[in-house]
Amino acid sequence: MIQAVEIKGLRGIRSGSLTDLTPLVVLVGPNGSGKSTVIEGILIAASPTTAEAIVEVITPP
């Protein structure tokens, strides 16, 4: 289980952290507040091939 997330320098997030996470976490906020960036940061961190995950995240659909 992920207990904390720290992101630095990803998209619009200069520096931020989420701590004391529970098994269910709901990210809520207005458009452009960084919800998707948090998920993308977790995807990058969890990927066995970090470079490929970064390319996946930064490449437009």
Protein backbone atom coordinates (compact mmCIF):
# COMPACT_ATOMS: atom_id res chain seq x y z
CA MET A 1 0.00 0.00 0.00
CA ILE A 2 1.24 3.49 -0.81
CA GLN A 3 1.50 5.49 2.40
CA ALA A 4 2.97 8.75 1.09
CA VAL A 5 3.71 10.52 -2.19
CA GLU A 6 6.25 13.28 -2.77
CA ILE A 7 6.49 15.01 -6.15
CA LYS A 8 9.08 17.57 -7.23
CA GLY A 9 9.27 19.21 -10.65
CA LEU A 10 6.56 17.29 -12.51
CA ARG A 11 4.37 19.39 -14.80
CA GLY A 12 2.89 22.20 -12.70
CA ILE A 13 3.91 20.74 -9.34
CA ARG A 14 7.12 22.36 -8.12
CA SER A 15 7.06 20.49 -4.83
CA GLY A 16 4.30 18.72 -2.96
CA SER A 17 3.57 15.77 -0.76
CA LEU A 18 0.67 13.68 0.45
CA THR A 19 1.25 11.80 3.70
CA ASP A 20 -0.62 9.40 5.97
CA LEU A 21 -2.58 7.96 3.03
CA THR A 22 -5.30 5.41 3.76
CA PRO A 23 -6.28 2.45 1.54
CA LEU A 24 -8.86 4.68 -0.18
CA VAL A 25 -7.78 8.13 -1.36
CA VAL A 26 -9.99 10.49 -3.35
CA LEU A 27 -8.34 13.42 -5.13
CA VAL A 28 -10.74 16.34 -5.45
CA GLY A 29 -10.11 19.78 -6.89
CA PRO A 30 -10.84 22.14 -9.75
CA ASN A 31 -9.56 21.60 -13.27
CA GLY A 32 -5.85 22.27 -13.54
CA SER A 33 -5.13 21.71 -9.84
CA GLY A 34 -2.81 18.72 -10.40
CA LYS A 35 -4.96 15.67 -9.70
CA SER A 36 -3.86 13.90 -12.89
CA THR A 37 -0.25 14.90 -12.29
CA VAL A 38 -0.32 13.15 -8.91
CA ILE A 39 -1.58 9.97 -10.60
CA GLU A 40 1.06 10.30 -13.33
CA GLY A 41 3.76 10.71 -10.67
CA ILE A 42 2.63 7.50 -9.01
CA LEU A 43 2.65 5.76 -12.42
CA ILE A 44 6.24 6.90 -13.03
CA ALA A 45 7.38 5.81 -9.56
CA ALA A 46 5.71 2.40 -9.83
CA SER A 47 7.03 1.63 -13.30
CA PRO A 48 9.93 -0.81 -13.64
CA THR A 49 11.15 1.27 -16.59
CA THR A 50 11.12 4.84 -15.33
CA ALA A 51 12.31 6.39 -18.62
CA GLU A 52 9.53 4.74 -20.61
CA ALA A 53 6.93 5.83 -18.04
CA ILE A 54 8.14 9.43 -18.25
CA VAL A 55 7.86 9.36 -22.05
CA GLU A 56 4.35 7.90 -21.72
CA VAL A 57 3.30 10.67 -19.33
CA ILE A 58 4.75 13.61 -21.27
CA THR A 59 3.70 12.48 -24.76
CA PRO A 60 0.37 14.07 -25.78
CA PRO A 61 -2.45 11.63 -26.67
